[in-house]
N, C-alpha and C. Protein backbone atom coordinates (compact mmCIF):
# COMPACT_ATOMS: atom_id res chain seq x y z
N MET A 1 -10.98 7.93 0.63
CA MET A 1 -11.50 7.80 -0.72
C MET A 1 -10.75 8.76 -1.61
N GLU A 2 -10.17 8.24 -2.67
CA GLU A 2 -9.59 9.07 -3.71
C GLU A 2 -10.39 8.81 -4.97
N HIS A 3 -10.53 9.85 -5.81
CA HIS A 3 -11.33 9.62 -7.00
C HIS A 3 -10.78 10.36 -8.21
N GLY A 4 -11.22 9.92 -9.36
CA GLY A 4 -10.83 10.53 -10.62
C GLY A 4 -11.36 9.68 -11.77
N ASP A 5 -11.88 10.33 -12.79
CA ASP A 5 -12.38 9.63 -13.97
C ASP A 5 -13.41 8.55 -13.63
N ASN A 6 -14.34 8.86 -12.74
CA ASN A 6 -15.43 7.96 -12.38
C ASN A 6 -14.96 6.70 -11.65
N LYS A 7 -13.77 6.78 -11.05
CA LYS A 7 -13.26 5.67 -10.26
C LYS A 7 -12.83 6.21 -8.89
N ILE A 8 -12.92 5.36 -7.90
CA ILE A 8 -12.45 5.73 -6.56
C ILE A 8 -11.62 4.57 -6.02
N THR A 9 -10.70 4.89 -5.15
CA THR A 9 -9.95 3.88 -4.42
C THR A 9 -10.51 3.85 -3.01
N VAL A 10 -11.04 2.69 -2.65
CA VAL A 10 -11.63 2.51 -1.33
C VAL A 10 -10.68 1.69 -0.49
N ILE A 11 -10.48 2.12 0.75
CA ILE A 11 -9.62 1.37 1.67
C ILE A 11 -10.53 0.66 2.67
N ASP A 12 -10.44 -0.67 2.71
CA ASP A 12 -11.32 -1.44 3.59
C ASP A 12 -10.82 -1.41 5.04
N GLU A 13 -11.56 -2.08 5.91
CA GLU A 13 -11.22 -2.06 7.34
C GLU A 13 -9.88 -2.72 7.64
N ASN A 14 -9.34 -3.51 6.70
CA ASN A 14 -8.04 -4.15 6.88
C ASN A 14 -6.90 -3.34 6.25
N GLY A 15 -7.23 -2.17 5.69
CA GLY A 15 -6.20 -1.32 5.08
C GLY A 15 -5.89 -1.67 3.64
N ASN A 16 -6.66 -2.58 3.04
CA ASN A 16 -6.45 -2.96 1.64
C ASN A 16 -7.13 -1.97 0.72
N GLU A 17 -6.44 -1.60 -0.37
CA GLU A 17 -7.01 -0.68 -1.35
C GLU A 17 -7.74 -1.47 -2.43
N GLN A 18 -8.91 -0.97 -2.84
CA GLN A 18 -9.71 -1.60 -3.88
C GLN A 18 -10.15 -0.52 -4.86
N LEU A 19 -9.81 -0.68 -6.14
CA LEU A 19 -10.25 0.26 -7.16
C LEU A 19 -11.69 -0.06 -7.51
N CYS A 20 -12.54 0.98 -7.46
CA CYS A 20 -13.96 0.80 -7.70
C CYS A 20 -14.45 1.77 -8.77
N GLU A 21 -15.47 1.33 -9.50
CA GLU A 21 -16.14 2.16 -10.50
C GLU A 21 -17.34 2.82 -9.82
N ILE A 22 -17.48 4.14 -10.01
CA ILE A 22 -18.64 4.85 -9.46
C ILE A 22 -19.82 4.62 -10.38
N LEU A 23 -20.90 4.12 -9.83
CA LEU A 23 -22.13 3.92 -10.59
C LEU A 23 -22.85 5.25 -10.73
N PHE A 24 -23.11 5.91 -9.61
CA PHE A 24 -23.64 7.27 -9.61
C PHE A 24 -23.59 7.83 -8.20
N THR A 25 -23.76 9.16 -8.12
CA THR A 25 -23.83 9.85 -6.83
C THR A 25 -25.11 10.67 -6.81
N PHE A 26 -25.59 10.96 -5.61
CA PHE A 26 -26.75 11.84 -5.47
C PHE A 26 -26.75 12.47 -4.09
N GLU A 27 -27.49 13.57 -3.97
CA GLU A 27 -27.62 14.27 -2.70
C GLU A 27 -29.03 14.08 -2.16
N SER A 28 -29.15 14.08 -0.85
CA SER A 28 -30.46 14.00 -0.20
C SER A 28 -30.61 15.19 0.73
N GLU A 29 -31.55 16.08 0.40
CA GLU A 29 -31.84 17.19 1.30
C GLU A 29 -32.47 16.68 2.59
N GLU A 30 -33.26 15.61 2.47
CA GLU A 30 -33.94 15.03 3.63
C GLU A 30 -32.95 14.62 4.72
N PHE A 31 -31.83 14.00 4.31
CA PHE A 31 -30.84 13.53 5.28
C PHE A 31 -29.63 14.45 5.38
N GLY A 32 -29.54 15.45 4.49
CA GLY A 32 -28.42 16.38 4.52
C GLY A 32 -27.10 15.73 4.20
N LYS A 33 -27.12 14.72 3.32
CA LYS A 33 -25.90 13.98 2.97
C LYS A 33 -25.84 13.77 1.47
N SER A 34 -24.65 13.42 1.00
CA SER A 34 -24.46 12.95 -0.37
C SER A 34 -24.11 11.47 -0.30
N TYR A 35 -24.46 10.75 -1.36
CA TYR A 35 -24.25 9.30 -1.39
C TYR A 35 -23.55 8.91 -2.68
N VAL A 36 -22.77 7.85 -2.61
CA VAL A 36 -22.11 7.29 -3.78
C VAL A 36 -22.42 5.79 -3.82
N LEU A 37 -22.77 5.30 -5.00
CA LEU A 37 -22.95 3.88 -5.22
C LEU A 37 -21.83 3.44 -6.14
N TYR A 38 -21.15 2.35 -5.79
CA TYR A 38 -19.96 1.93 -6.51
C TYR A 38 -19.80 0.41 -6.42
N TYR A 39 -18.94 -0.12 -7.27
CA TYR A 39 -18.66 -1.55 -7.23
C TYR A 39 -17.18 -1.80 -7.53
N PRO A 40 -16.61 -2.85 -6.90
CA PRO A 40 -15.20 -3.16 -7.14
C PRO A 40 -14.97 -3.59 -8.59
N ILE A 41 -13.93 -3.05 -9.21
CA ILE A 41 -13.59 -3.39 -10.59
C ILE A 41 -12.95 -4.78 -10.62
N GLY A 42 -13.41 -5.61 -11.54
CA GLY A 42 -12.83 -6.93 -11.72
C GLY A 42 -13.33 -7.98 -10.76
N GLU A 43 -14.42 -7.70 -10.05
CA GLU A 43 -14.94 -8.69 -9.10
C GLU A 43 -16.34 -9.15 -9.48
N GLU A 44 -16.56 -9.41 -10.79
CA GLU A 44 -17.84 -9.93 -11.23
C GLU A 44 -17.92 -11.42 -10.88
N ASP A 45 -19.15 -11.90 -10.62
CA ASP A 45 -19.31 -13.33 -10.39
C ASP A 45 -19.42 -14.04 -11.74
N GLU A 46 -19.67 -15.34 -11.72
CA GLU A 46 -19.68 -16.11 -12.97
C GLU A 46 -20.78 -15.66 -13.93
N ASP A 47 -21.80 -14.97 -13.44
CA ASP A 47 -22.88 -14.47 -14.29
C ASP A 47 -22.65 -13.03 -14.74
N GLY A 48 -21.50 -12.47 -14.40
CA GLY A 48 -21.20 -11.09 -14.77
C GLY A 48 -21.84 -10.07 -13.85
N GLU A 49 -22.36 -10.52 -12.72
CA GLU A 49 -23.00 -9.63 -11.75
C GLU A 49 -21.94 -9.05 -10.81
N VAL A 50 -22.19 -7.83 -10.32
CA VAL A 50 -21.29 -7.19 -9.37
C VAL A 50 -22.06 -6.85 -8.09
N GLU A 51 -21.34 -6.77 -6.99
CA GLU A 51 -21.94 -6.36 -5.72
C GLU A 51 -21.81 -4.85 -5.60
N ILE A 52 -22.96 -4.18 -5.51
CA ILE A 52 -22.97 -2.72 -5.43
C ILE A 52 -22.90 -2.30 -3.96
N HIS A 53 -22.01 -1.36 -3.68
CA HIS A 53 -21.83 -0.82 -2.34
C HIS A 53 -22.36 0.61 -2.31
N ALA A 54 -22.77 1.07 -1.14
CA ALA A 54 -23.23 2.45 -0.98
C ALA A 54 -22.62 3.03 0.29
N SER A 55 -22.25 4.31 0.19
CA SER A 55 -21.70 5.04 1.33
C SER A 55 -22.14 6.49 1.24
N SER A 56 -22.08 7.18 2.36
CA SER A 56 -22.32 8.62 2.33
C SER A 56 -20.96 9.30 2.35
N PHE A 57 -20.93 10.57 1.92
CA PHE A 57 -19.68 11.32 1.89
C PHE A 57 -19.97 12.80 1.94
N ILE A 58 -18.92 13.59 2.18
CA ILE A 58 -19.04 15.04 2.19
C ILE A 58 -18.52 15.53 0.85
N PRO A 59 -19.39 16.16 0.03
CA PRO A 59 -18.95 16.60 -1.30
C PRO A 59 -17.92 17.73 -1.23
N GLY A 60 -17.12 17.83 -2.28
CA GLY A 60 -16.15 18.91 -2.39
C GLY A 60 -14.79 18.58 -1.80
N GLU A 61 -14.65 17.46 -1.14
CA GLU A 61 -13.35 17.08 -0.59
C GLU A 61 -12.64 16.18 -1.58
N ASP A 62 -11.39 16.51 -1.91
CA ASP A 62 -10.64 15.70 -2.87
C ASP A 62 -10.37 14.30 -2.34
N SER A 63 -10.03 14.19 -1.10
CA SER A 63 -9.73 12.89 -0.52
C SER A 63 -10.59 12.73 0.73
N GLY A 64 -11.86 12.45 0.50
CA GLY A 64 -12.82 12.39 1.59
C GLY A 64 -12.94 10.99 2.16
N GLU A 65 -13.67 10.92 3.22
CA GLU A 65 -13.89 9.65 3.88
C GLU A 65 -15.29 9.16 3.57
N LEU A 66 -15.40 7.90 3.18
CA LEU A 66 -16.71 7.28 2.99
C LEU A 66 -17.23 6.88 4.35
N MET A 67 -18.51 7.17 4.56
CA MET A 67 -19.12 6.86 5.85
C MET A 67 -20.24 5.84 5.64
N PRO A 68 -20.49 5.02 6.65
CA PRO A 68 -21.53 4.00 6.49
C PRO A 68 -22.93 4.61 6.47
N ILE A 69 -23.85 3.88 5.86
CA ILE A 69 -25.26 4.26 5.86
C ILE A 69 -25.80 3.91 7.25
N GLU A 70 -26.46 4.87 7.88
CA GLU A 70 -26.78 4.71 9.30
C GLU A 70 -28.19 4.24 9.61
N THR A 71 -29.15 4.53 8.73
CA THR A 71 -30.53 4.22 9.10
C THR A 71 -31.23 3.41 8.01
N GLU A 72 -32.29 2.74 8.40
CA GLU A 72 -33.12 1.98 7.47
C GLU A 72 -33.76 2.92 6.45
N GLU A 73 -34.11 4.13 6.87
CA GLU A 73 -34.71 5.11 5.97
C GLU A 73 -33.73 5.51 4.86
N GLU A 74 -32.45 5.65 5.22
CA GLU A 74 -31.44 5.96 4.21
C GLU A 74 -31.31 4.80 3.21
N TRP A 75 -31.31 3.56 3.72
CA TRP A 75 -31.23 2.39 2.83
C TRP A 75 -32.42 2.36 1.88
N ASP A 76 -33.61 2.69 2.39
CA ASP A 76 -34.80 2.71 1.53
C ASP A 76 -34.64 3.72 0.41
N LEU A 77 -34.12 4.90 0.73
CA LEU A 77 -33.89 5.93 -0.27
C LEU A 77 -32.86 5.46 -1.30
N ILE A 78 -31.78 4.85 -0.85
CA ILE A 78 -30.73 4.37 -1.75
C ILE A 78 -31.27 3.29 -2.68
N GLU A 79 -32.05 2.37 -2.14
CA GLU A 79 -32.64 1.31 -2.97
C GLU A 79 -33.58 1.89 -4.02
N GLU A 80 -34.36 2.90 -3.64
CA GLU A 80 -35.26 3.55 -4.58
C GLU A 80 -34.47 4.25 -5.69
N MET A 81 -33.40 4.95 -5.34
CA MET A 81 -32.57 5.63 -6.33
C MET A 81 -31.88 4.62 -7.25
N LEU A 82 -31.43 3.49 -6.71
CA LEU A 82 -30.77 2.47 -7.51
C LEU A 82 -31.77 1.86 -8.50
N GLU A 83 -32.98 1.56 -8.05
CA GLU A 83 -34.00 1.02 -8.95
C GLU A 83 -34.29 1.99 -10.08
N THR A 84 -34.42 3.28 -9.77
CA THR A 84 -34.67 4.29 -10.80
C THR A 84 -33.50 4.34 -11.79
N PHE A 85 -32.29 4.31 -11.28
CA PHE A 85 -31.08 4.33 -12.13
C PHE A 85 -31.07 3.12 -13.06
N LEU A 86 -31.31 1.93 -12.52
CA LEU A 86 -31.28 0.72 -13.33
C LEU A 86 -32.40 0.70 -14.37
N ASP A 87 -33.58 1.22 -14.02
CA ASP A 87 -34.68 1.31 -14.98
C ASP A 87 -34.31 2.22 -16.14
N GLU A 88 -33.62 3.32 -15.85
CA GLU A 88 -33.20 4.25 -16.90
C GLU A 88 -32.13 3.67 -17.81
N GLU A 89 -31.29 2.78 -17.25
CA GLU A 89 -30.23 2.14 -18.03
C GLU A 89 -30.77 1.13 -19.03
N GLU A 90 -31.92 0.55 -18.74
CA GLU A 90 -32.51 -0.47 -19.63
C GLU A 90 -33.16 0.19 -20.75
């Protein structure tokens, strides 16, 4: 993961680079991790909707590795944070 100006470059499992916009990041003391929610730039569907991705990461690293979300409890927390974020945007 490389980042700058609220954008990150994500490398998928096939080695392809995808420029993504960071929606927001947050830390969880409960899980001892930081999380980033992001979406690929230019990949809106016909309704202008985007697919939001979430990963965990280690803060403070310039070129860190995004890690998968491991538990259902983490997904529940991420969904709750996303709902709060979207409610605030409206």
